[in-house]
Each structure stands twice: as C-alpha cells, then as structure tokens.
C-alpha cells in the first residue's frame, strides 16, 4: 500500500531502521507479502541422524548441478538457525525436505522447521521429499501431511525412500528426483 508514497525511511516493529535503498526493501516486502519466491533456486534441507540422509541430499545436489541447475543451497536443520532456514524458504522456489524417521515421526529439527513454515503461512512453492528409516520409514508421509496443510505447495510425486544407506535403487530414485526438479525449474 505504501509503495506509491515517497518513503524516506522504513521503521519496522523490530529490527533496524532503513534509510537507504528503500526501493530494494519495498520490492522485498512486496514479494514476501505475495509469497513470491525471490529466486528460481533449490534449497535442500536435511535432518540426518547418522549422516545417511545427508549423503542422499549431497547426491541429489550433485545430480542437480550436473543437469545445469546453478542455484542450489544445502542446510543442515540441526546446525543452522531457523531464521536463516525460513528466509531461504521464502527466497527459493523449490524446496527439498530430507529427513530421517525418528521415534516413528519426523526428526525433530525438521519437524520444527516445517511447523514454523506452516505458521509463517509459506506458500507458492514446489517441494520434494526424501525420507530415511531403517525398518519403518515414516518421515516422508508425515512431511507430506504437513505440506498438504499449507496453501499452494506443490509436492513432486517422485520422492525418495532410503532405508539406512543409499544403495543403487536409491541412486536411481535420486536421479529421477533431480530430473523432476530440473524440469520443473525450467518451466518458468
């Protein structure tokens, strides 16, 4: 609403007062309020207990790069501040959630991120899911349930299930997922 005004400074309820580059900030606020991604990019978020889920995410990132995807970022949800994770979800058009099954649920830091994104009303994104669970993978189903409760989140069908370590069939599935993400990125 204020974009048409001659703005000298932005004084948010919290954070610094902005006195320079006002147009840049107004553009950011317009994107954020419309839930428009800032970049056609892929952010991969991992919640790994023993490193095997991280390995699957690394393989996916490498396959995406081989297919010419230039903007790829990876984050360990256990060691990255949630404010940075949320910011990346608002920045990127394509999100991959890779999580281990933990106590028959989603590995807790990943579940917290997803619930935070839902509370922030994130929308208009394409998502993909990688789950890991040695004898009873459940994380993927539960991640999809959370995502389905969010507005305009398109979840790619070609998810990946890993049972402990990545083996040849999972490598193929990760290749298929990379194909699906790269194809979807190319559609704009």
C-alpha atoms as a PDB file:
ATOM      1  CA  UNK A   1       0.000   0.000   0.000  1.00  0.00           C
ATOM      2  CA  UNK A   2       2.868   2.367   0.756  1.00  0.00           C
ATOM      3  CA  UNK A   3       4.857   1.563  -2.398  1.00  0.00           C
ATOM      4  CA  UNK A   4       3.472   4.612  -4.205  1.00  0.00           C
ATOM      5  CA  UNK A   5       4.492   7.020  -1.451  1.00  0.00           C
ATOM      6  CA  UNK A   6       7.754   8.951  -1.201  1.00  0.00           C
ATOM      7  CA  UNK A   7       9.305   6.859   1.580  1.00  0.00           C
ATOM      8  CA  UNK A   8      12.251   8.383   3.460  1.00  0.00           C
ATOM      9  CA  UNK A   9      12.762   5.519   5.907  1.00  0.00           C
ATOM     10  CA  UNK A  10      11.278   2.203   6.970  1.00  0.00           C
ATOM     11  CA  UNK A  11      10.800   1.724  10.712  1.00  0.00           C
ATOM     12  CA  UNK A  12       9.684  -1.894  11.294  1.00  0.00           C
ATOM     13  CA  UNK A  13       8.259  -3.070  14.603  1.00  0.00           C
ATOM     14  CA  UNK A  14      11.540  -4.862  15.223  1.00  0.00           C
ATOM     15  CA  UNK A  15      14.946  -4.698  13.593  1.00  0.00           C
ATOM     16  CA  UNK A  16      16.954  -1.789  12.193  1.00  0.00           C
ATOM     17  CA  UNK A  17      15.577   1.402  10.681  1.00  0.00           C
ATOM     18  CA  UNK A  18      16.246   1.529   6.939  1.00  0.00           C
ATOM     19  CA  UNK A  19      17.207   4.896   5.454  1.00  0.00           C
ATOM     20  CA  UNK A  20      18.912   3.827   2.198  1.00  0.00           C
ATOM     21  CA  UNK A  21      17.973   1.567  -0.720  1.00  0.00           C
ATOM     22  CA  UNK A  22      14.297   1.977   0.144  1.00  0.00           C
ATOM     23  CA  UNK A  23      13.139   0.696  -3.265  1.00  0.00           C
ATOM     24  CA  UNK A  24      15.039  -2.564  -2.698  1.00  0.00           C
ATOM     25  CA  UNK A  25      13.262  -3.091   0.640  1.00  0.00           C
ATOM     26  CA  UNK A  26       9.848  -2.205  -0.785  1.00  0.00           C
ATOM     27  CA  UNK A  27      10.380  -4.777  -3.556  1.00  0.00           C
ATOM     28  CA  UNK A  28      11.327  -7.408  -0.947  1.00  0.00           C
ATOM     29  CA  UNK A  29       8.233  -6.641   1.136  1.00  0.00           C
ATOM     30  CA  UNK A  30       6.048  -6.881  -1.985  1.00  0.00           C
ATOM     31  CA  UNK A  31       7.489 -10.322  -2.805  1.00  0.00           C
ATOM     32  CA  UNK A  32       7.176 -11.536   0.763  1.00  0.00           C
ATOM     33  CA  UNK A  33       3.601 -10.324   1.179  1.00  0.00           C
ATOM     34  CA  UNK A  34       2.600 -12.101  -2.064  1.00  0.00           C
ATOM     35  CA  UNK A  35       4.648 -15.194  -1.128  1.00  0.00           C
ATOM     36  CA  UNK A  36       6.520 -14.879  -4.419  1.00  0.00           C
ATOM     37  CA  UNK A  37       9.913 -16.631  -4.418  1.00  0.00           C
ATOM     38  CA  UNK A  38      12.826 -14.252  -4.849  1.00  0.00           C
ATOM     39  CA  UNK A  39      14.847 -16.795  -6.871  1.00  0.00           C
ATOM     40  CA  UNK A  40      14.209 -19.773  -9.071  1.00  0.00           C
ATOM     41  CA  UNK A  41      16.532 -21.832  -6.926  1.00  0.00           C
ATOM     42  CA  UNK A  42      16.660 -25.065  -4.951  1.00  0.00           C
ATOM     43  CA  UNK A  43      17.182 -25.221  -1.199  1.00  0.00           C
ATOM     44  CA  UNK A  44      17.794 -28.661   0.268  1.00  0.00           C
ATOM     45  CA  UNK A  45      17.142 -29.060   3.987  1.00  0.00           C
ATOM     46  CA  UNK A  46      18.409 -32.158   5.775  1.00  0.00           C
ATOM     47  CA  UNK A  47      17.655 -33.659   9.137  1.00  0.00           C
ATOM     48  CA  UNK A  48      20.062 -36.558   9.450  1.00  0.00           C
ATOM     49  CA  UNK A  49      20.829 -38.717  12.466  1.00  0.00           C
ATOM     50  CA  UNK A  50      23.767 -40.807  11.219  1.00  0.00           C
ATOM     51  CA  UNK A  51      24.739 -38.965   8.034  1.00  0.00           C
ATOM     52  CA  UNK A  52      22.941 -41.194   5.527  1.00  0.00           C
ATOM     53  CA  UNK A  53      20.186 -38.672   4.864  1.00  0.00           C
ATOM     54  CA  UNK A  54      22.856 -36.001   4.368  1.00  0.00           C
ATOM     55  CA  UNK A  55      24.526 -38.325   1.866  1.00  0.00           C
ATOM     56  CA  UNK A  56      21.278 -38.663  -0.108  1.00  0.00           C
ATOM     57  CA  UNK A  57      20.934 -34.861  -0.149  1.00  0.00           C
ATOM     58  CA  UNK A  58      24.548 -34.496  -1.329  1.00  0.00           C
ATOM     59  CA  UNK A  59      23.880 -36.926  -4.175  1.00  0.00           C
ATOM     60  CA  UNK A  60      20.747 -35.016  -5.172  1.00  0.00           C
ATOM     61  CA  UNK A  61      22.616 -31.689  -5.137  1.00  0.00           C
ATOM     62  CA  UNK A  62      25.361 -33.159  -7.321  1.00  0.00           C
ATOM     63  CA  UNK A  63      22.831 -34.554  -9.818  1.00  0.00           C
ATOM     64  CA  UNK A  64      21.041 -31.194  -9.971  1.00  0.00           C
ATOM     65  CA  UNK A  65      24.347 -29.436 -10.677  1.00  0.00           C
ATOM     66  CA  UNK A  66      25.130 -31.973 -13.420  1.00  0.00           C
ATOM     67  CA  UNK A  67      21.776 -31.097 -15.004  1.00  0.00           C
ATOM     68  CA  UNK A  68      22.733 -27.420 -15.126  1.00  0.00           C
ATOM     69  CA  UNK A  69      20.908 -26.137 -12.044  1.00  0.00           C
ATOM     70  CA  UNK A  70      23.041 -23.203 -10.896  1.00  0.00           C
ATOM     71  CA  UNK A  71      21.353 -22.047  -7.696  1.00  0.00           C
ATOM     72  CA  UNK A  72      21.483 -24.844  -5.129  1.00  0.00           C
ATOM     73  CA  UNK A  73      21.868 -24.389  -1.386  1.00  0.00           C
ATOM     74  CA  UNK A  74      22.043 -27.067   1.324  1.00  0.00           C
ATOM     75  CA  UNK A  75      21.289 -26.687   5.020  1.00  0.00           C
ATOM     76  CA  UNK A  76      21.555 -28.997   7.996  1.00  0.00           C
ATOM     77  CA  UNK A  77      18.468 -28.157  10.048  1.00  0.00           C
ATOM     78  CA  UNK A  78      20.203 -29.328  13.235  1.00  0.00           C
ATOM     79  CA  UNK A  79      23.020 -26.781  12.926  1.00  0.00           C
ATOM     80  CA  UNK A  80      21.512 -23.789  11.116  1.00  0.00           C
ATOM     81  CA  UNK A  81      19.484 -21.120  12.857  1.00  0.00           C
ATOM     82  CA  UNK A  82      15.809 -21.442  11.998  1.00  0.00           C
ATOM     83  CA  UNK A  83      15.617 -17.771  10.953  1.00  0.00           C
ATOM     84  CA  UNK A  84      18.095 -18.491   8.151  1.00  0.00           C
ATOM     85  CA  UNK A  85      16.153 -21.613   7.133  1.00  0.00           C
ATOM     86  CA  UNK A  86      12.861 -19.715   6.982  1.00  0.00           C
ATOM     87  CA  UNK A  87      14.495 -16.914   4.984  1.00  0.00           C
ATOM     88  CA  UNK A  88      15.796 -19.456   2.459  1.00  0.00           C
ATOM     89  CA  UNK A  89      12.336 -20.970   2.112  1.00  0.00           C
ATOM     90  CA  UNK A  90      10.980 -17.530   1.254  1.00  0.00           C
ATOM     91  CA  UNK A  91      13.876 -16.920  -1.175  1.00  0.00           C
ATOM     92  CA  UNK A  92      13.792 -20.202  -3.113  1.00  0.00           C
ATOM     93  CA  UNK A  93      11.121 -21.521  -5.463  1.00  0.00           C
ATOM     94  CA  UNK A  94      11.966 -25.204  -4.930  1.00  0.00           C
ATOM     95  CA  UNK A  95      12.425 -26.825  -1.535  1.00  0.00           C
ATOM     96  CA  UNK A  96      13.630 -30.329  -0.716  1.00  0.00           C
ATOM     97  CA  UNK A  97      12.966 -31.714   2.746  1.00  0.00           C
ATOM     98  CA  UNK A  98      15.175 -34.726   3.533  1.00  0.00           C
ATOM     99  CA  UNK A  99      14.626 -36.223   6.969  1.00  0.00           C
ATOM    100  CA  UNK A 100      15.215 -39.315   8.981  1.00  0.00           C
ATOM    101  CA  UNK A 101      12.385 -41.069  10.746  1.00  0.00           C
ATOM    102  CA  UNK A 102      12.834 -40.562  14.474  1.00  0.00           C
ATOM    103  CA  UNK A 103      10.640 -42.270  17.076  1.00  0.00           C
ATOM    104  CA  UNK A 104       8.205 -43.107  14.265  1.00  0.00           C
ATOM    105  CA  UNK A 105       7.950 -39.403  13.396  1.00  0.00           C
ATOM    106  CA  UNK A 106       9.958 -36.718  11.649  1.00  0.00           C
ATOM    107  CA  UNK A 107      13.442 -35.978  13.010  1.00  0.00           C
ATOM    108  CA  UNK A 108      12.614 -33.199  15.483  1.00  0.00           C
ATOM    109  CA  UNK A 109      14.600 -30.255  13.992  1.00  0.00           C
ATOM    110  CA  UNK A 110      12.986 -30.898  10.583  1.00  0.00           C
ATOM    111  CA  UNK A 111       9.520 -31.168  12.087  1.00  0.00           C
ATOM    112  CA  UNK A 112      10.097 -27.870  13.910  1.00  0.00           C
ATOM    113  CA  UNK A 113      11.147 -26.184  10.658  1.00  0.00           C
ATOM    114  CA  UNK A 114       8.084 -27.468   8.812  1.00  0.00           C
ATOM    115  CA  UNK A 115       5.731 -26.337  11.562  1.00  0.00           C
ATOM    116  CA  UNK A 116       7.448 -22.938  11.613  1.00  0.00           C
ATOM    117  CA  UNK A 117       6.969 -22.623   7.842  1.00  0.00           C
ATOM    118  CA  UNK A 118       3.304 -23.509   8.261  1.00  0.00           C
ATOM    119  CA  UNK A 119       2.976 -20.857  10.991  1.00  0.00           C
ATOM    120  CA  UNK A 120       4.592 -18.325   8.621  1.00  0.00           C
ATOM    121  CA  UNK A 121       1.978 -19.294   6.010  1.00  0.00           C
ATOM    122  CA  UNK A 122       4.632 -20.129   3.385  1.00  0.00           C
ATOM    123  CA  UNK A 123       3.015 -20.775   0.011  1.00  0.00           C
ATOM    124  CA  UNK A 124       3.565 -20.849  -3.745  1.00  0.00           C
ATOM    125  CA  UNK A 125       6.478 -23.270  -3.680  1.00  0.00           C
ATOM    126  CA  UNK A 126       7.372 -26.618  -5.213  1.00  0.00           C
ATOM    127  CA  UNK A 127       8.571 -29.189  -2.704  1.00  0.00           C
ATOM    128  CA  UNK A 128      10.163 -32.613  -2.799  1.00  0.00           C
ATOM    129  CA  UNK A 129      10.605 -35.182  -0.046  1.00  0.00           C
ATOM    130  CA  UNK A 130      13.386 -37.613   0.842  1.00  0.00           C
ATOM    131  CA  UNK A 131      12.774 -39.873   3.803  1.00  0.00           C
ATOM    132  CA  UNK A 132      15.061 -42.263   5.642  1.00  0.00           C
ATOM    133  CA  UNK A 133      14.179 -45.011   8.056  1.00  0.00           C
ATOM    134  CA  UNK A 134      15.909 -48.318   8.536  1.00  0.00           C
ATOM    135  CA  UNK A 135      12.918 -50.568   9.205  1.00  0.00           C
ATOM    136  CA  UNK A 136       9.907 -48.276   9.130  1.00  0.00           C
ATOM    137  CA  UNK A 137      10.313 -45.030   7.205  1.00  0.00           C
ATOM    138  CA  UNK A 138       7.506 -42.654   8.225  1.00  0.00           C
ATOM    139  CA  UNK A 139       9.066 -39.214   7.821  1.00  0.00           C
ATOM    140  CA  UNK A 140       8.030 -38.801   4.176  1.00  0.00           C
ATOM    141  CA  UNK A 141       4.358 -39.460   4.830  1.00  0.00           C
ATOM    142  CA  UNK A 142       4.367 -37.076   7.792  1.00  0.00           C
ATOM    143  CA  UNK A 143       6.235 -34.345   5.901  1.00  0.00           C
ATOM    144  CA  UNK A 144       3.695 -34.611   3.082  1.00  0.00           C
ATOM    145  CA  UNK A 145       0.856 -34.289   5.594  1.00  0.00           C
ATOM    146  CA  UNK A 146       2.298 -31.031   6.938  1.00  0.00           C
ATOM    147  CA  UNK A 147       2.922 -29.701   3.427  1.00  0.00           C
ATOM    148  CA  UNK A 148      -0.610 -30.638   2.346  1.00  0.00           C
ATOM    149  CA  UNK A 149      -1.953 -28.335   5.059  1.00  0.00           C
ATOM    150  CA  UNK A 150      -0.108 -25.391   3.507  1.00  0.00           C
ATOM    151  CA  UNK A 151      -1.517 -23.239   0.702  1.00  0.00           C
ATOM    152  CA  UNK A 152      -0.268 -23.704  -2.869  1.00  0.00           C
ATOM    153  CA  UNK A 153       2.598 -26.044  -2.062  1.00  0.00           C
ATOM    154  CA  UNK A 154       3.041 -28.433  -4.970  1.00  0.00           C
ATOM    155  CA  UNK A 155       4.758 -31.640  -3.836  1.00  0.00           C
ATOM    156  CA  UNK A 156       6.548 -33.600  -6.544  1.00  0.00           C
ATOM    157  CA  UNK A 157       5.414 -37.213  -6.728  1.00  0.00           C
ATOM    158  CA  UNK A 158       8.918 -38.579  -7.240  1.00  0.00           C
ATOM    159  CA  UNK A 159      10.044 -38.667  -3.625  1.00  0.00           C
ATOM    160  CA  UNK A 160      12.819 -40.950  -2.394  1.00  0.00           C
ATOM    161  CA  UNK A 161      12.842 -43.516   0.396  1.00  0.00           C
ATOM    162  CA  UNK A 162      16.193 -44.571   1.840  1.00  0.00           C
ATOM    163  CA  UNK A 163      16.460 -47.426   4.298  1.00  0.00           C
ATOM    164  CA  UNK A 164      19.641 -46.535   6.190  1.00  0.00           C
ATOM    165  CA  UNK A 165      22.313 -46.125   3.475  1.00  0.00           C
ATOM    166  CA  UNK A 166      21.890 -45.066  -0.160  1.00  0.00           C
ATOM    167  CA  UNK A 167      22.096 -48.094  -2.456  1.00  0.00           C
ATOM    168  CA  UNK A 168      21.798 -48.429  -6.255  1.00  0.00           C
ATOM    169  CA  UNK A 169      17.960 -48.233  -6.338  1.00  0.00           C
ATOM    170  CA  UNK A 170      18.001 -45.050  -4.254  1.00  0.00           C
ATOM    171  CA  UNK A 171      20.673 -43.553  -6.530  1.00  0.00           C
ATOM    172  CA  UNK A 172      18.290 -44.111  -9.446  1.00  0.00           C
ATOM    173  CA  UNK A 173      15.419 -42.571  -7.495  1.00  0.00           C
ATOM    174  CA  UNK A 174      17.592 -39.543  -6.638  1.00  0.00           C
ATOM    175  CA  UNK A 175      18.439 -39.218 -10.340  1.00  0.00           C
ATOM    176  CA  UNK A 176      14.708 -39.285 -11.167  1.00  0.00           C
ATOM    177  CA  UNK A 177      14.030 -36.673  -8.488  1.00  0.00           C
ATOM    178  CA  UNK A 178      16.796 -34.445  -9.890  1.00  0.00           C
ATOM    179  CA  UNK A 179      15.201 -34.804 -13.349  1.00  0.00           C
ATOM    180  CA  UNK A 180      11.794 -33.798 -11.967  1.00  0.00           C
ATOM    181  CA  UNK A 181      13.159 -30.775 -10.087  1.00  0.00           C
ATOM    182  CA  UNK A 182      15.261 -29.596 -13.052  1.00  0.00           C
ATOM    183  CA  UNK A 183      12.286 -29.973 -15.412  1.00  0.00           C
ATOM    184  CA  UNK A 184      10.026 -28.049 -13.053  1.00  0.00           C
ATOM    185  CA  UNK A 185      12.606 -25.273 -12.674  1.00  0.00           C
ATOM    186  CA  UNK A 186      12.831 -24.954 -16.460  1.00  0.00           C
ATOM    187  CA  UNK A 187       9.068 -24.323 -16.769  1.00  0.00           C
ATOM    188  CA  UNK A 188       9.110 -20.653 -15.962  1.00  0.00           C
END
